Amino acid sequence: MKTAITEMFGIRHPIIQGGMHYVGFAELAAAVANAGGLGIITGLTQKTPELLAREIARCRDMTDKPFGVNLTFLPAFVAPPYPEYIRAIIEGGVKIVETAGRSPEQYLPALKAAGIKIIHKCTSVRHSLKAERIGCDAVSVDGFECGGHPGEDDVPNMILLPRAADALKIPFVASGGMADARSLVAALAMGAAGMNMGTRFIATREAPVHENVKKAIVAASELDTRLIMRALRNTERVLKNKGVEHILEIEREKGAALTIADIKEEVGGLYPRIMLEGDVDAGAWSCGMVAGLIYDIPTVAELIERIMAEAERLIRDRLVGFLEDDATPAMKVA
C-alpha cells in the first residue's frame, strides 16, 4: 500500500508505532520497522541524552529499516535538556522525529538542518495548521479516543479526521482508536495517509513491558478508561484501576482548587513500576478506548500482516462490492 506517509518515511506499510513512555524501547521500534511500519523510540524514557544515543545504536543493531525517535514537549517538574537529546538523535543518524505536546518550533531549525522529517502529534485542526505553518512535514491527528493526552476539545476522530483533510496541505495519519484493518481503511477513507497505533502495540509479544500490562489491556473494554487532570487542563486518558480511582477521589474533593501537587504521587514517576514491574494498580498509565478492540497478544509481524491483509480484503471485497454495476441495480447496504 503506497501513501504519502509510506513515501515520506520510506516504509512499506502506512502504520506508525507512536512514542510511549517506558514502552518505546529499541526492541519494539525495531520489530515494527522490520515488519514494514515505522517504529519509534521514546526519547525521554531514556534518562540522559547519552542513554538515548545508546538506545538508538541498539535499535540500529536490530534493524536496517527506518525508525524514528519521539520527543514530547510537555510541562515537567524538571525540564529535560532537549538540545542534547536532539544532538543524540542527529549523531545517531535518525531521519524521522515524532514530536508531541507543546510546539516544537524552536527546535525545528536544528532538526531540519540535519535532514530530519518531523511528524507532530496534534489534538485539533488549529494545532495541526500551526504545525504545518512552522514547517512540520506531517501531522499525527489525535482524536478524543486516544490514550494519553487528548487535548481539551473532546473531538472524536469521525469528525476530526475529515476536518483535518479539509484544512491541511501536508499529509497526516490518524491516531487514537486505531487497532485493526477497519481502523486503517476508515482512516484512509477520511483523508489520512496512514494510522498511528499506541495501545495496540503495547499488547504485542515484542513490547518490552510486563505481562500484567498486556493482560490488563486485553481484559479491558472500551468502558474501562478514565479521564484525569481535567481541572488542570492537562487531561489524560488512563486505564481504570485502584490508583486512578484514588486520583478521581482527590479531584472530586479538591474541585477547581486542584493543583498538580495534590496528585503528584499518583501520576509522577510510576511508569517503571507499572510497565517494568507489572504493578498495574500503582497509579495512572495511558491507555486508549481502543482497548475494547484488543483481544490477543500477537507478534508485531503477525499484527501488521493481519492488518494489511484484512485491509486489502475490506477494500477489494466489501467496499468495491457496494458499487453499482451491471449485475447490481443499486448500492447494497450491509
Protein backbone atom coordinates (compact mmCIF):
# COMPACT_ATOMS: atom_id res chain seq x y z
CA MET A 1 0.00 0.00 0.00
CA LYS A 2 1.54 3.27 -1.13
CA THR A 3 0.55 6.56 0.52
CA ALA A 4 2.16 9.94 1.13
CA ILE A 5 3.34 8.65 4.51
CA THR A 6 4.97 5.47 3.19
CA GLU A 7 6.73 7.57 0.55
CA MET A 8 7.85 10.26 3.01
CA PHE A 9 9.30 7.85 5.57
CA GLY A 10 10.47 5.06 3.27
CA ILE A 11 8.30 2.38 4.90
CA ARG A 12 6.29 -0.46 3.38
CA HIS A 13 3.03 -0.09 5.32
CA PRO A 14 1.24 3.12 6.47
CA ILE A 15 1.40 2.11 10.13
CA ILE A 16 3.30 4.04 12.82
CA GLN A 17 4.03 2.90 16.36
CA GLY A 18 3.59 6.01 18.47
CA GLY A 19 6.06 7.06 21.13
CA MET A 20 5.01 5.68 24.53
CA HIS A 21 6.74 6.18 27.88
CA TYR A 22 8.57 3.05 29.03
CA VAL A 23 7.21 1.14 26.03
CA GLY A 24 9.09 2.65 23.07
CA PHE A 25 12.39 0.86 23.56
CA ALA A 26 14.62 -0.49 20.78
CA GLU A 27 13.00 -3.95 20.86
CA LEU A 28 9.56 -2.67 19.89
CA ALA A 29 10.77 0.02 17.48
CA ALA A 30 12.93 -2.50 15.61
CA ALA A 31 10.15 -5.09 15.48
CA VAL A 32 7.76 -2.57 13.92
CA ALA A 33 10.43 -1.39 11.47
CA ASN A 34 11.27 -4.96 10.44
CA ALA A 35 7.55 -5.65 9.87
CA GLY A 36 7.31 -2.72 7.45
CA GLY A 37 5.93 0.00 9.71
CA LEU A 38 7.59 2.96 11.39
CA GLY A 39 8.92 2.09 14.84
CA ILE A 40 9.52 4.86 17.35
CA ILE A 41 11.94 5.04 20.28
CA THR A 42 10.59 7.21 23.11
CA GLY A 43 13.36 9.73 23.70
CA LEU A 44 12.53 10.90 27.21
CA THR A 45 12.20 7.37 28.58
CA GLN A 46 15.98 7.44 28.31
CA LYS A 47 17.03 9.49 31.34
CA THR A 48 20.00 11.15 29.63
CA PRO A 49 20.96 12.03 26.04
CA GLU A 50 23.83 9.55 26.35
CA LEU A 51 21.40 6.75 27.14
CA LEU A 52 19.26 7.76 24.15
CA ALA A 53 22.34 7.56 21.92
CA ARG A 54 22.92 4.02 23.18
CA GLU A 55 19.28 3.06 22.60
CA ILE A 56 19.44 4.37 19.02
CA ALA A 57 22.60 2.33 18.41
CA ARG A 58 20.93 -0.73 19.93
CA CYS A 59 17.94 -0.31 17.61
CA ARG A 60 20.23 0.07 14.61
CA ASP A 61 21.81 -3.28 15.51
CA MET A 62 18.34 -4.86 15.34
CA THR A 63 17.09 -3.37 12.05
CA ASP A 64 18.33 -1.82 8.83
CA LYS A 65 14.90 -0.25 8.21
CA PRO A 66 13.88 3.34 9.01
CA PHE A 67 12.84 4.13 12.58
CA GLY A 68 12.22 7.34 14.46
CA VAL A 69 12.51 8.96 17.88
CA ASN A 70 9.73 10.65 19.84
CA LEU A 71 10.38 13.90 21.69
CA THR A 72 7.50 15.14 23.84
CA PHE A 73 7.44 18.76 24.96
CA LEU A 74 5.12 18.73 27.98
CA PRO A 75 5.09 20.56 31.31
CA ALA A 76 7.55 18.73 33.56
CA PHE A 77 8.76 19.00 37.12
CA VAL A 78 12.31 19.23 35.72
CA ALA A 79 12.78 20.35 32.09
CA PRO A 80 14.80 17.84 30.04
CA PRO A 81 17.91 19.03 28.13
CA TYR A 82 16.20 18.99 24.73
CA PRO A 83 19.17 20.34 22.69
CA GLU A 84 21.33 17.48 23.94
CA TYR A 85 18.65 14.92 23.12
CA ILE A 86 18.40 16.39 19.62
CA ARG A 87 22.16 16.13 19.22
CA ALA A 88 21.97 12.43 20.12
CA ILE A 89 19.25 11.94 17.50
CA ILE A 90 21.25 13.71 14.80
CA GLU A 91 24.52 11.97 15.63
CA GLY A 92 22.68 8.63 15.68
CA GLY A 93 21.64 9.14 12.07
CA VAL A 94 17.90 9.10 12.81
CA LYS A 95 15.95 10.79 10.00
CA ILE A 96 12.44 10.82 11.48
CA VAL A 97 11.28 12.53 14.68
CA GLU A 98 7.78 12.41 16.18
CA THR A 99 7.16 15.48 18.32
CA ALA A 100 4.26 15.94 20.71
CA GLY A 101 2.93 18.27 23.38
CA ARG A 102 4.00 21.89 23.08
CA SER A 103 5.12 23.44 19.81
CA PRO A 104 8.49 22.14 18.57
CA GLU A 105 9.12 25.36 16.64
CA GLN A 106 12.30 26.43 18.44
CA TYR A 107 13.91 23.04 17.79
CA LEU A 108 12.93 22.65 14.13
CA PRO A 109 15.91 24.51 12.60
CA ALA A 110 18.43 22.07 14.08
CA LEU A 111 16.36 19.05 13.07
CA LYS A 112 15.67 20.35 9.57
CA ALA A 113 19.34 21.21 9.02
CA ALA A 114 20.13 17.53 9.66
CA GLY A 115 17.61 16.41 7.02
CA ILE A 116 15.17 15.04 9.58
CA LYS A 117 11.45 14.70 8.77
CA ILE A 118 9.11 15.88 11.54
CA ILE A 119 5.67 14.47 12.29
CA HIS A 120 3.94 16.41 15.08
CA LYS A 121 1.10 14.96 17.14
CA CYS A 122 -1.90 17.33 17.35
CA THR A 123 -5.30 17.08 19.02
CA SER A 124 -7.02 19.78 16.99
CA VAL A 125 -7.18 21.22 13.50
CA ARG A 126 -5.88 24.59 14.65
CA HIS A 127 -2.78 23.00 16.17
CA SER A 128 -2.32 20.91 13.03
CA LEU A 129 -2.38 24.07 10.92
CA LYS A 130 0.19 25.64 13.24
CA ALA A 131 2.41 22.56 12.79
CA GLU A 132 2.07 22.90 9.02
CA ARG A 133 2.84 26.61 9.20
CA ILE A 134 6.05 26.22 11.22
CA GLY A 135 7.41 23.60 8.83
CA CYS A 136 6.45 20.16 10.12
CA ASP A 137 6.39 17.61 7.31
CA ALA A 138 3.37 15.65 8.55
CA VAL A 139 0.89 15.56 11.41
CA SER A 140 -0.47 12.79 13.61
CA VAL A 141 -4.08 13.83 14.30
CA ASP A 142 -5.03 12.55 17.74
CA GLY A 143 -8.74 12.08 18.46
CA PHE A 144 -10.52 12.16 21.81
CA GLU A 145 -10.49 8.34 21.95
CA CYS A 146 -6.71 8.23 22.36
CA GLY A 147 -4.70 7.08 25.34
CA GLY A 148 -2.56 9.75 26.93
CA HIS A 149 -3.32 13.42 26.36
CA PRO A 150 -6.34 14.04 24.05
CA GLY A 151 -6.33 17.83 24.42
CA GLU A 152 -9.26 19.81 25.73
CA ASP A 153 -11.66 19.95 22.76
CA ASP A 154 -13.12 16.42 23.09
CA VAL A 155 -13.48 15.91 19.33
CA PRO A 156 -13.51 12.26 18.19
CA ASN A 157 -11.83 11.09 15.02
CA MET A 158 -15.02 10.68 12.97
CA ILE A 159 -15.15 14.48 12.97
CA LEU A 160 -11.51 15.42 13.49
CA LEU A 161 -10.03 13.45 10.59
CA PRO A 162 -12.32 14.82 7.83
CA ARG A 163 -11.80 18.32 9.24
CA ALA A 164 -8.04 17.81 9.05
CA ALA A 165 -8.37 16.54 5.49
CA ASP A 166 -10.30 19.67 4.53
CA ALA A 167 -7.80 22.03 6.15
CA LEU A 168 -4.30 20.57 5.75
CA LYS A 169 -1.94 20.52 2.80
CA ILE A 170 0.64 18.26 4.43
CA PRO A 171 -0.13 14.54 4.92
CA PHE A 172 -1.45 13.27 8.22
CA VAL A 173 -2.07 9.98 9.99
CA ALA A 174 -4.96 9.04 12.25
CA SER A 175 -4.13 8.49 15.92
CA GLY A 176 -6.46 7.44 18.71
CA GLY A 177 -8.82 4.49 18.41
CA MET A 178 -6.62 2.71 15.86
CA ALA A 179 -6.35 -1.07 16.31
CA ASP A 180 -7.01 -3.08 13.17
CA ALA A 181 -7.72 -3.15 9.43
CA ARG A 182 -11.07 -1.42 9.91
CA SER A 183 -9.26 1.45 11.63
CA LEU A 184 -6.81 1.79 8.77
CA VAL A 185 -9.39 1.66 5.98
CA ALA A 186 -11.67 4.11 7.79
CA ALA A 187 -8.74 6.48 8.36
CA LEU A 188 -7.80 6.34 4.68
CA ALA A 189 -11.42 6.97 3.71
CA MET A 190 -11.47 10.10 5.89
CA GLY A 191 -8.36 11.53 4.27
CA ALA A 192 -5.50 10.20 6.37
CA ALA A 193 -2.42 8.66 4.75
CA GLY A 194 -1.98 6.04 7.46
CA MET A 195 -2.51 5.37 11.13
CA ASN A 196 -0.61 5.64 14.40
CA MET A 197 -1.18 2.89 16.98
CA GLY A 198 -0.16 3.13 20.62
CA THR A 199 -2.18 0.94 22.95
CA ARG A 200 -2.49 -1.82 20.32
CA PHE A 201 1.31 -2.12 20.09
CA ILE A 202 1.65 -2.47 23.88
CA ALA A 203 -0.29 -5.74 23.61
CA THR A 204 2.29 -7.45 21.38
CA ARG A 205 4.91 -10.03 22.26
CA GLU A 206 7.84 -7.76 21.49
CA ALA A 207 6.60 -4.85 23.61
CA PRO A 208 9.15 -4.77 26.45
CA VAL A 209 6.59 -4.34 29.22
CA HIS A 210 5.39 -6.67 31.98
CA GLU A 211 2.89 -9.35 31.00
CA ASN A 212 0.45 -7.92 33.57
CA VAL A 213 0.20 -4.74 31.50
CA LYS A 214 -0.58 -6.64 28.31
CA LYS A 215 -3.17 -8.82 30.05
CA ALA A 216 -4.82 -5.73 31.59
CA ILE A 217 -5.28 -4.21 28.13
CA VAL A 218 -6.72 -7.43 26.68
CA ALA A 219 -9.10 -7.76 29.64
CA ALA A 220 -10.30 -4.14 29.38
CA SER A 221 -13.34 -2.97 27.44
CA GLU A 222 -13.97 0.36 25.78
CA LEU A 223 -15.65 1.43 29.05
CA ASP A 224 -12.55 0.92 31.20
CA THR A 225 -10.64 4.17 30.70
CA ARG A 226 -10.94 7.35 32.74
CA LEU A 227 -10.02 11.00 32.16
CA ILE A 228 -7.88 12.61 34.84
CA MET A 229 -6.41 16.10 35.35
CA ARG A 230 -9.27 17.82 33.53
CA ALA A 231 -9.32 20.65 36.09
CA LEU A 232 -5.63 21.27 35.30
CA ARG A 233 -6.32 21.40 31.55
CA ASN A 234 -3.79 18.60 31.18
CA THR A 235 -6.35 15.87 30.52
CA GLU A 236 -5.03 12.32 30.30
CA ARG A 237 -6.90 9.14 29.34
CA VAL A 238 -5.75 6.26 31.52
CA LEU A 239 -6.80 2.72 32.31
CA LYS A 240 -9.20 2.40 35.26
CA ASN A 241 -7.51 0.90 38.32
CA LYS A 242 -7.27 1.39 42.10
CA GLY A 243 -4.69 4.15 41.79
CA VAL A 244 -6.80 6.03 39.26
CA GLU A 245 -9.90 5.75 41.44
CA HIS A 246 -7.88 7.38 44.22
CA ILE A 247 -6.88 10.21 41.88
CA LEU A 248 -10.51 10.77 40.93
CA GLU A 249 -11.49 10.90 44.62
CA ILE A 250 -8.89 13.61 45.24
CA GLU A 251 -10.08 15.53 42.18
CA ARG A 252 -13.69 15.39 43.39
CA GLU A 253 -12.69 16.63 46.83
CA LYS A 254 -10.48 19.48 45.56
CA GLY A 255 -12.66 20.56 42.65
CA ALA A 256 -11.45 23.73 40.95
CA ALA A 257 -8.80 24.17 43.67
CA LEU A 258 -6.90 21.07 42.45
CA THR A 259 -3.17 21.51 41.84
CA ILE A 260 -0.65 19.10 40.37
CA ALA A 261 0.93 18.78 43.83
CA ASP A 262 -2.29 17.15 45.08
CA ILE A 263 -1.87 14.15 42.78
CA LYS A 264 1.86 14.18 42.08
CA GLU A 265 2.44 10.87 43.86
CA GLU A 266 -0.21 9.12 41.74
CA VAL A 267 0.83 10.50 38.34
CA GLY A 268 4.57 11.14 38.56
CA GLY A 269 7.43 8.66 38.17
CA LEU A 270 5.32 5.48 38.29
CA TYR A 271 5.95 4.13 34.80
CA PRO A 272 8.94 1.92 35.70
CA ARG A 273 6.91 0.33 38.49
CA ILE A 274 3.92 -0.22 36.21
CA MET A 275 5.49 -1.11 32.88
CA LEU A 276 8.59 -2.98 34.07
CA GLU A 277 7.46 -4.47 37.39
CA GLY A 278 3.81 -5.07 36.45
CA ASP A 279 2.10 -3.21 39.31
CA VAL A 280 -0.83 -2.15 37.12
CA ASP A 281 -2.78 -0.68 40.07
CA ALA A 282 0.02 1.63 41.21
CA GLY A 283 -1.40 4.74 39.55
CA ALA A 284 -2.19 6.39 36.24
CA TRP A 285 -0.92 4.93 32.98
CA SER A 286 -2.06 5.87 29.49
CA CYS A 287 -4.47 3.59 27.66
CA GLY A 288 -6.89 4.30 24.83
CA MET A 289 -10.54 3.35 24.50
CA VAL A 290 -9.29 1.07 21.74
CA ALA A 291 -8.54 -1.50 24.46
CA GLY A 292 -12.08 -2.67 23.75
CA LEU A 293 -10.90 -3.85 20.31
CA ILE A 294 -7.81 -5.71 21.54
CA TYR A 295 -8.36 -9.42 22.08
CA ASP A 296 -4.91 -11.02 21.78
CA ILE A 297 -1.15 -10.56 22.13
CA PRO A 298 0.36 -11.36 18.70
CA THR A 299 3.86 -10.72 17.46
CA VAL A 300 4.31 -7.33 15.80
CA ALA A 301 4.80 -9.02 12.42
CA GLU A 302 1.60 -11.06 12.84
CA LEU A 303 -0.34 -7.94 13.81
CA ILE A 304 0.85 -5.83 10.90
CA GLU A 305 0.49 -8.65 8.35
CA ARG A 306 -3.06 -9.29 9.61
CA ILE A 307 -3.99 -5.62 9.39
CA MET A 308 -2.68 -5.23 5.85
CA ALA A 309 -4.25 -8.47 4.56
CA GLU A 310 -7.63 -7.64 6.09
CA ALA A 311 -7.43 -4.04 4.85
CA GLU A 312 -6.98 -5.29 1.30
CA ARG A 313 -9.96 -7.62 1.68
CA LEU A 314 -12.10 -4.80 3.09
CA ILE A 315 -11.24 -2.51 0.20
CA ARG A 316 -11.47 -5.08 -2.61
CA ASP A 317 -14.40 -7.15 -1.42
CA ARG A 318 -16.57 -5.13 0.93
CA LEU A 319 -16.18 -1.56 -0.33
CA VAL A 320 -15.93 -2.28 -4.04
CA GLY A 321 -18.90 -4.61 -3.59
CA PHE A 322 -21.08 -1.62 -2.72
CA LEU A 323 -20.53 0.00 -6.11
CA GLU A 324 -23.26 -0.20 -8.71
CA ASP A 325 -22.51 -2.37 -11.75
CA ASP A 326 -24.47 -4.13 -14.49
CA ALA A 327 -25.45 -7.01 -12.19
CA THR A 328 -26.33 -4.77 -9.27
CA PRO A 329 -29.02 -2.14 -9.97
CA ALA A 330 -28.42 -0.25 -6.71
CA MET A 331 -25.84 0.07 -3.97
CA LYS A 332 -26.07 -2.74 -1.44
CA VAL A 333 -26.43 -1.89 2.22
CA ALA A 334 -24.66 -4.23 4.68
